[in-house]
Amino acid sequence: MSLPEIVSREQWRAAREELLVREKEATRARDALNAERRRLPMVEVEREYLFEGGDGKSALADLFQGRLQLVVYHFMFAPEWDAGCRSCSGFLDQVGHLAHLKARGTTFAAVSRAPYTKILPFKARMGWTVPWYSSYGNDFNRDFEATLTHEGELVDRPGISCFLRDGDRVFHTYSTFARGLDGLGSTTSFLDLTALGRQEEWEEPPGRASALGAPAGSDRVRYHDEYED
């Protein structure tokens, strides 16, 4: 096994401070990239999709649960499978408490092509409470490029798609797949993918922090059992 070099505390401190400079550069670069993501244009979703979940049949707008934003995790679970993807399951295992996303007007949900009758027992086995819907019988996954055609067969890939609601209109703002999911799972990492971001005053472009008519993002943080939904 190749292990780090052994040095004195003083040498470690010098090396750590040198690396910190580069880490701060990466943080500023990430902030700039997130701002560019929020500046992306959006496209209206005009096609109707019907999903099945715990409350029966739902349209895409219903998945928002009354909030402004929706983050969809494209969970790989083909109709012919008896259980969900192991890698996707590991991803859901790391997702934090959803109350912090909801407090910023954002709903998180998983969507799979498998029938809901297959999703439900697997969800119970995993002990998840995250909203999970079946897109069985519609083209949602294909339209948002989570399902591709390869050599005449449908092939799924894990991904995230973000949506914004303006009244009754729904807009697609962003999608990412495969390695684009690296580092995701926390509240802030999901918000960084959305059009409204973390809703902090320092974020660019200006004007997104007041979208909910509430204090800026960090001022809204509570214990997860103190939020009023």
Protein backbone atom coordinates (compact mmCIF):
# COMPACT_ATOMS: atom_id res chain seq x y z
CA MET A 1 0.00 0.00 0.00
CA SER A 2 1.27 3.47 -0.88
CA LEU A 3 0.92 5.74 2.16
CA PRO A 4 1.59 9.49 2.61
CA GLU A 5 5.09 10.61 3.49
CA ILE A 6 5.84 10.95 7.21
CA VAL A 7 6.95 14.49 8.14
CA SER A 8 7.14 16.80 11.15
CA ARG A 9 4.17 18.86 12.33
CA GLU A 10 5.81 22.02 10.95
CA GLN A 11 6.31 20.44 7.51
CA TRP A 12 2.73 19.20 7.51
CA ARG A 13 1.45 22.69 8.41
CA ALA A 14 3.42 24.28 5.54
CA ALA A 15 2.13 21.72 3.05
CA ARG A 16 -1.41 22.12 4.36
CA GLU A 17 -1.33 25.91 3.98
CA GLU A 18 -0.02 25.56 0.44
CA LEU A 19 -2.88 23.21 -0.42
CA LEU A 20 -5.39 25.55 1.27
CA VAL A 21 -4.57 28.25 -1.27
CA ARG A 22 -5.55 25.89 -4.07
CA GLU A 23 -8.67 24.74 -2.18
CA LYS A 24 -9.87 28.33 -1.87
CA GLU A 25 -9.24 28.84 -5.58
CA ALA A 26 -11.38 25.76 -6.27
CA THR A 27 -14.15 27.10 -4.00
CA ARG A 28 -14.22 30.44 -5.84
CA ALA A 29 -14.21 28.61 -9.17
CA ARG A 30 -17.11 26.43 -8.01
CA ASP A 31 -19.08 29.51 -6.93
CA ALA A 32 -18.51 31.04 -10.38
CA LEU A 33 -19.58 27.81 -12.09
CA ASN A 34 -22.74 27.64 -9.97
CA ALA A 35 -23.55 31.22 -10.96
CA GLU A 36 -23.17 30.29 -14.64
CA ARG A 37 -25.49 27.34 -14.06
CA ARG A 38 -28.12 29.66 -12.55
CA ARG A 39 -27.80 31.86 -15.64
CA LEU A 40 -28.75 29.00 -17.94
CA PRO A 41 -31.98 29.59 -19.86
CA MET A 42 -34.93 27.31 -19.16
CA VAL A 43 -37.42 25.52 -21.39
CA GLU A 44 -41.10 25.02 -20.69
CA VAL A 45 -42.25 21.44 -20.23
CA GLU A 46 -45.37 21.30 -22.37
CA ARG A 47 -45.75 17.54 -22.64
CA GLU A 48 -48.01 15.80 -20.14
CA TYR A 49 -46.58 13.01 -18.01
CA LEU A 50 -48.50 10.77 -15.64
CA PHE A 51 -46.63 9.23 -12.71
CA GLU A 52 -47.72 6.75 -10.06
CA GLY A 53 -46.72 7.20 -6.45
CA GLY A 54 -47.94 6.83 -2.91
CA ASP A 55 -50.90 9.14 -3.56
CA GLY A 56 -51.92 7.49 -6.82
CA LYS A 57 -51.60 9.18 -10.20
CA SER A 58 -49.75 12.51 -10.40
CA ALA A 59 -48.76 15.00 -13.09
CA LEU A 60 -45.26 16.50 -13.15
CA ALA A 61 -46.55 19.68 -11.49
CA ASP A 62 -47.91 17.57 -8.61
CA LEU A 63 -44.42 16.26 -7.84
CA PHE A 64 -43.47 19.78 -6.67
CA GLN A 65 -45.86 19.33 -3.71
CA GLY A 66 -46.71 23.03 -3.91
CA ARG A 67 -43.10 24.26 -3.86
CA LEU A 68 -41.23 26.34 -6.44
CA GLN A 69 -38.53 23.85 -7.36
CA LEU A 70 -38.23 20.12 -7.98
CA VAL A 71 -35.04 18.05 -8.02
CA VAL A 72 -35.62 14.65 -9.65
CA TYR A 73 -33.16 11.80 -9.16
CA HIS A 74 -33.34 9.41 -12.12
CA PHE A 75 -33.06 6.13 -10.22
CA MET A 76 -32.07 3.17 -12.41
CA PHE A 77 -34.82 0.57 -11.99
CA ALA A 78 -35.88 -1.04 -15.29
CA PRO A 79 -39.39 -2.54 -15.56
CA GLU A 80 -38.01 -6.08 -15.85
CA TRP A 81 -35.83 -5.80 -12.71
CA ASP A 82 -36.93 -7.04 -9.29
CA ALA A 83 -34.75 -4.57 -7.35
CA GLY A 84 -33.26 -1.14 -7.92
CA CYS A 85 -29.71 -0.36 -8.99
CA ARG A 86 -27.14 -0.90 -6.22
CA SER A 87 -25.21 2.26 -7.11
CA CYS A 88 -28.40 4.35 -7.16
CA SER A 89 -29.35 2.83 -3.81
CA GLY A 90 -26.04 3.93 -2.38
CA PHE A 91 -26.73 7.43 -3.67
CA LEU A 92 -30.13 7.62 -1.96
CA ASP A 93 -28.64 6.30 1.26
CA GLN A 94 -26.48 9.43 1.52
CA VAL A 95 -29.24 11.99 0.93
CA GLY A 96 -29.74 14.19 4.00
CA HIS A 97 -32.91 15.28 5.79
CA LEU A 98 -35.29 16.73 3.19
CA ALA A 99 -36.74 19.33 5.58
CA HIS A 100 -33.81 21.65 4.80
CA LEU A 101 -34.55 21.51 1.06
CA LYS A 102 -38.26 22.05 1.65
CA ALA A 103 -37.49 25.15 3.72
CA ARG A 104 -35.95 26.61 0.57
CA GLY A 105 -39.00 25.82 -1.52
CA THR A 106 -37.43 22.74 -3.12
CA THR A 107 -38.81 19.20 -3.32
CA PHE A 108 -36.60 16.15 -3.89
CA ALA A 109 -38.04 13.01 -5.50
CA ALA A 110 -36.85 9.86 -7.25
CA VAL A 111 -38.32 8.64 -10.53
CA SER A 112 -37.85 5.20 -12.11
CA ARG A 113 -39.23 3.33 -15.13
CA ALA A 114 -40.22 0.30 -13.05
CA PRO A 115 -43.93 -0.10 -12.14
CA TYR A 116 -44.82 1.28 -8.74
CA THR A 117 -45.78 -2.23 -7.60
CA LYS A 118 -42.06 -3.09 -7.85
CA ILE A 119 -40.80 0.19 -6.43
CA LEU A 120 -42.94 0.05 -3.29
CA PRO A 121 -41.59 -3.20 -1.75
CA PHE A 122 -38.00 -2.28 -2.59
CA LYS A 123 -38.46 1.16 -1.04
CA ALA A 124 -39.83 -0.49 2.11
CA ARG A 125 -36.88 -2.91 2.18
CA MET A 126 -34.43 0.01 2.02
CA GLY A 127 -36.34 1.98 4.67
CA TRP A 128 -36.50 5.15 2.56
CA THR A 129 -39.11 7.88 3.03
CA VAL A 130 -38.07 9.97 0.01
CA PRO A 131 -40.93 10.47 -2.49
CA TRP A 132 -40.50 7.94 -5.30
CA TYR A 133 -42.59 7.79 -8.46
CA SER A 134 -42.96 5.41 -11.37
CA SER A 135 -42.78 6.76 -14.92
CA TYR A 136 -43.80 3.36 -16.29
CA GLY A 137 -45.65 3.79 -19.58
CA ASN A 138 -44.53 7.35 -20.32
CA ASP A 139 -41.50 8.92 -22.00
CA PHE A 140 -40.28 11.08 -19.11
CA ASN A 141 -36.96 9.26 -18.73
CA ARG A 142 -36.28 9.27 -22.45
CA ASP A 143 -37.31 12.88 -22.94
CA PHE A 144 -34.91 13.99 -20.20
CA GLU A 145 -32.12 11.68 -21.45
CA ALA A 146 -31.98 9.39 -18.42
CA THR A 147 -32.91 6.51 -20.73
CA LEU A 148 -31.07 6.11 -24.01
CA THR A 149 -31.33 3.66 -26.89
CA HIS A 150 -28.21 1.54 -27.39
CA GLU A 151 -28.14 -1.14 -30.09
CA GLY A 152 -31.90 -1.17 -30.20
CA GLU A 153 -32.39 -1.55 -26.43
CA LEU A 154 -33.31 0.94 -23.71
CA VAL A 155 -30.45 1.66 -21.31
CA ASP A 156 -30.84 3.75 -18.15
CA ARG A 157 -28.23 6.01 -16.59
CA PRO A 158 -28.31 7.78 -13.22
CA GLY A 159 -28.90 11.49 -13.30
CA ILE A 160 -30.48 14.59 -11.81
CA SER A 161 -32.99 16.91 -13.49
CA CYS A 162 -34.10 20.22 -11.98
CA PHE A 163 -37.39 21.98 -12.61
CA LEU A 164 -38.87 25.37 -11.69
CA ARG A 165 -42.57 26.14 -11.35
CA ASP A 166 -44.14 29.50 -12.19
CA GLY A 167 -47.82 29.22 -11.37
CA ASP A 168 -49.15 26.33 -13.44
CA ARG A 169 -46.17 26.38 -15.82
CA VAL A 170 -43.25 24.00 -15.32
CA PHE A 171 -39.76 24.66 -16.70
CA HIS A 172 -36.73 22.41 -17.08
CA THR A 173 -33.63 24.26 -15.87
CA TYR A 174 -30.80 21.71 -15.60
CA SER A 175 -29.74 18.06 -15.91
CA THR A 176 -26.53 16.15 -15.19
CA PHE A 177 -25.56 12.49 -15.38
CA ALA A 178 -22.95 9.92 -14.34
CA ARG A 179 -19.83 11.73 -12.97
CA GLY A 180 -21.91 14.90 -12.70
CA LEU A 181 -23.42 13.30 -9.58
CA ASP A 182 -20.06 13.13 -7.79
CA GLY A 183 -20.17 15.00 -4.50
CA LEU A 184 -23.97 15.34 -4.44
CA GLY A 185 -26.19 14.34 -1.54
CA SER A 186 -26.17 17.32 0.81
CA THR A 187 -28.77 20.10 0.88
CA THR A 188 -26.39 22.73 -0.51
CA SER A 189 -25.09 20.43 -3.25
CA PHE A 190 -28.62 19.94 -4.59
CA LEU A 191 -29.49 23.63 -4.29
CA ASP A 192 -26.35 24.51 -6.26
CA LEU A 193 -27.91 22.69 -9.24
CA THR A 194 -31.13 24.70 -9.17
CA ALA A 195 -32.12 28.00 -10.75
CA LEU A 196 -32.67 29.63 -7.33
CA GLY A 197 -29.47 28.24 -5.80
CA ARG A 198 -28.93 28.47 -2.04
CA GLN A 199 -30.93 31.73 -2.02
CA GLU A 200 -28.11 33.62 -0.32
CA GLU A 201 -27.63 37.37 -0.80
CA TRP A 202 -24.04 36.91 -2.02
CA GLU A 203 -25.02 34.64 -4.90
CA GLU A 204 -25.08 35.75 -8.52
CA PRO A 205 -27.20 36.62 -10.39
CA PRO A 206 -28.91 38.91 -7.83
CA GLY A 207 -32.60 38.66 -7.02
CA ARG A 208 -32.88 34.92 -6.45
CA ALA A 209 -32.52 35.05 -2.65
CA SER A 210 -35.90 36.76 -2.23
CA ALA A 211 -37.80 34.27 -4.41
CA LEU A 212 -39.60 32.82 -1.38
CA GLY A 213 -40.28 36.16 0.25
CA ALA A 214 -38.34 34.98 3.30
CA PRO A 215 -34.92 35.58 4.89
CA ALA A 216 -31.86 34.49 2.93
CA GLY A 217 -30.96 30.81 2.89
CA SER A 218 -28.57 30.55 5.85
CA ASP A 219 -30.89 32.64 8.04
CA ARG A 220 -33.62 30.09 7.39
CA VAL A 221 -31.76 27.11 8.82
CA ARG A 222 -33.49 25.43 11.78
CA TYR A 223 -33.40 22.06 13.48
CA HIS A 224 -35.20 19.78 11.04
CA ASP A 225 -38.14 19.32 13.44
CA GLU A 226 -38.66 23.08 13.83
CA TYR A 227 -39.64 23.95 10.28
CA GLU A 228 -43.20 24.79 9.39
CA ASP A 229 -43.84 23.12 6.04
